[in-house]
Amino acid sequence: MEPEEFIEFLSLAISQEKKEKIYLQYTALLPLLIQAGKFMTFDKFYEEFTGANIDWRPANELLKEAEEIQRKQNHGNGNF
């Protein structure tokens, strides 16, 4: 096995182990999530837990989008 292949294999194994640990946490919390009315799928839980759902666009782009959304909410979308 080439070093590059080994590194890729090791990275995949570490990633799988991390995902399995997070799954165990999810299954432990699932009854509480359901009871609180905040059920979410494992994929959604994993995204939120790992920060995979973070938007990495530049701040000025995010602010521009937020301002546009706020403008539409305050003034309508111009389609009367």
C-alpha atoms as a PDB file:
ATOM      1  CA  MET A   1       0.000   0.000   0.000  1.00  0.00           C
ATOM      2  CA  GLU A   2       1.345   3.391  -1.003  1.00  0.00           C
ATOM      3  CA  PRO A   3       1.700   6.073   1.698  1.00  0.00           C
ATOM      4  CA  GLU A   4      -0.969   8.224   0.031  1.00  0.00           C
ATOM      5  CA  GLU A   5      -3.395   5.310   0.007  1.00  0.00           C
ATOM      6  CA  PHE A   6      -2.652   4.544   3.643  1.00  0.00           C
ATOM      7  CA  ILE A   7      -3.241   8.149   4.668  1.00  0.00           C
ATOM      8  CA  GLU A   8      -6.551   8.183   2.788  1.00  0.00           C
ATOM      9  CA  PHE A   9      -7.565   4.879   4.416  1.00  0.00           C
ATOM     10  CA  LEU A  10      -6.602   6.129   7.873  1.00  0.00           C
ATOM     11  CA  SER A  11      -8.501   9.370   7.356  1.00  0.00           C
ATOM     12  CA  LEU A  12     -11.599   7.444   6.300  1.00  0.00           C
ATOM     13  CA  ALA A  13     -11.326   5.143   9.330  1.00  0.00           C
ATOM     14  CA  ILE A  14     -11.006   8.097  11.716  1.00  0.00           C
ATOM     15  CA  SER A  15     -13.974   9.796  10.061  1.00  0.00           C
ATOM     16  CA  GLN A  16     -16.115   6.664  10.402  1.00  0.00           C
ATOM     17  CA  GLU A  17     -15.153   6.248  14.053  1.00  0.00           C
ATOM     18  CA  LYS A  18     -16.108   9.874  14.726  1.00  0.00           C
ATOM     19  CA  LYS A  19     -19.452   9.381  12.957  1.00  0.00           C
ATOM     20  CA  GLU A  20     -20.166   6.245  15.003  1.00  0.00           C
ATOM     21  CA  LYS A  21     -19.502   8.092  18.273  1.00  0.00           C
ATOM     22  CA  ILE A  22     -21.811  10.909  17.222  1.00  0.00           C
ATOM     23  CA  TYR A  23     -24.460   8.330  16.292  1.00  0.00           C
ATOM     24  CA  LEU A  24     -24.271   6.884  19.800  1.00  0.00           C
ATOM     25  CA  GLN A  25     -24.801  10.380  21.210  1.00  0.00           C
ATOM     26  CA  TYR A  26     -27.734  10.864  18.833  1.00  0.00           C
ATOM     27  CA  THR A  27     -29.408   7.628  19.929  1.00  0.00           C
ATOM     28  CA  ALA A  28     -28.938   8.585  23.574  1.00  0.00           C
ATOM     29  CA  LEU A  29     -30.480  12.036  23.012  1.00  0.00           C
ATOM     30  CA  LEU A  30     -33.237  10.916  20.658  1.00  0.00           C
ATOM     31  CA  PRO A  31     -35.870  10.225  23.348  1.00  0.00           C
ATOM     32  CA  LEU A  32     -35.286  13.693  24.804  1.00  0.00           C
ATOM     33  CA  LEU A  33     -35.472  15.319  21.373  1.00  0.00           C
ATOM     34  CA  ILE A  34     -38.761  13.557  20.652  1.00  0.00           C
ATOM     35  CA  GLN A  35     -40.177  14.438  24.068  1.00  0.00           C
ATOM     36  CA  ALA A  36     -39.265  18.098  23.547  1.00  0.00           C
ATOM     37  CA  GLY A  37     -40.856  18.088  20.086  1.00  0.00           C
ATOM     38  CA  LYS A  38     -37.488  18.718  18.447  1.00  0.00           C
ATOM     39  CA  PHE A  39     -36.980  15.485  16.523  1.00  0.00           C
ATOM     40  CA  MET A  40     -34.346  15.610  13.809  1.00  0.00           C
ATOM     41  CA  THR A  41     -32.854  12.999  11.552  1.00  0.00           C
ATOM     42  CA  PHE A  42     -29.372  11.710  12.234  1.00  0.00           C
ATOM     43  CA  ASP A  43     -28.051  13.487   9.135  1.00  0.00           C
ATOM     44  CA  LYS A  44     -29.379  16.841  10.407  1.00  0.00           C
ATOM     45  CA  PHE A  45     -28.040  16.125  13.904  1.00  0.00           C
ATOM     46  CA  TYR A  46     -24.632  15.240  12.447  1.00  0.00           C
ATOM     47  CA  GLU A  47     -24.522  18.434  10.380  1.00  0.00           C
ATOM     48  CA  GLU A  48     -25.371  20.599  13.378  1.00  0.00           C
ATOM     49  CA  PHE A  49     -23.101  18.694  15.762  1.00  0.00           C
ATOM     50  CA  THR A  50     -20.064  18.906  13.470  1.00  0.00           C
ATOM     51  CA  GLY A  51     -20.760  22.379  12.114  1.00  0.00           C
ATOM     52  CA  ALA A  52     -21.122  21.038   8.590  1.00  0.00           C
ATOM     53  CA  ASN A  53     -24.129  23.326   8.120  1.00  0.00           C
ATOM     54  CA  ILE A  54     -22.093  26.519   8.612  1.00  0.00           C
ATOM     55  CA  ASP A  55     -22.240  28.915   5.675  1.00  0.00           C
ATOM     56  CA  TRP A  56     -18.647  29.860   4.825  1.00  0.00           C
ATOM     57  CA  ARG A  57     -19.436  32.617   2.336  1.00  0.00           C
ATOM     58  CA  PRO A  58     -17.784  36.001   2.934  1.00  0.00           C
ATOM     59  CA  ALA A  59     -19.475  38.176   5.562  1.00  0.00           C
ATOM     60  CA  ASN A  60     -20.384  40.924   3.088  1.00  0.00           C
ATOM     61  CA  GLU A  61     -22.221  38.376   0.925  1.00  0.00           C
ATOM     62  CA  LEU A  62     -24.153  37.062   3.931  1.00  0.00           C
ATOM     63  CA  LEU A  63     -25.034  40.587   5.061  1.00  0.00           C
ATOM     64  CA  LYS A  64     -26.218  41.470   1.581  1.00  0.00           C
ATOM     65  CA  GLU A  65     -28.492  38.427   1.532  1.00  0.00           C
ATOM     66  CA  ALA A  66     -29.821  39.205   5.027  1.00  0.00           C
ATOM     67  CA  GLU A  67     -30.558  42.806   4.043  1.00  0.00           C
ATOM     68  CA  GLU A  68     -32.407  41.621   0.945  1.00  0.00           C
ATOM     69  CA  ILE A  69     -34.534  39.234   3.003  1.00  0.00           C
ATOM     70  CA  GLN A  70     -35.283  41.967   5.532  1.00  0.00           C
ATOM     71  CA  ARG A  71     -36.180  44.416   2.751  1.00  0.00           C
ATOM     72  CA  LYS A  72     -38.615  41.898   1.239  1.00  0.00           C
ATOM     73  CA  GLN A  73     -40.225  41.247   4.603  1.00  0.00           C
ATOM     74  CA  ASN A  74     -40.598  44.933   5.440  1.00  0.00           C
ATOM     75  CA  HIS A  75     -41.697  46.198   2.020  1.00  0.00           C
ATOM     76  CA  GLY A  76     -43.010  43.174   0.197  1.00  0.00           C
ATOM     77  CA  ASN A  77     -41.349  41.796  -2.900  1.00  0.00           C
ATOM     78  CA  GLY A  78     -42.718  44.477  -5.205  1.00  0.00           C
ATOM     79  CA  ASN A  79     -45.278  42.161  -6.828  1.00  0.00           C
ATOM     80  CA  PHE A  80     -48.627  43.810  -6.117  1.00  0.00           C
END
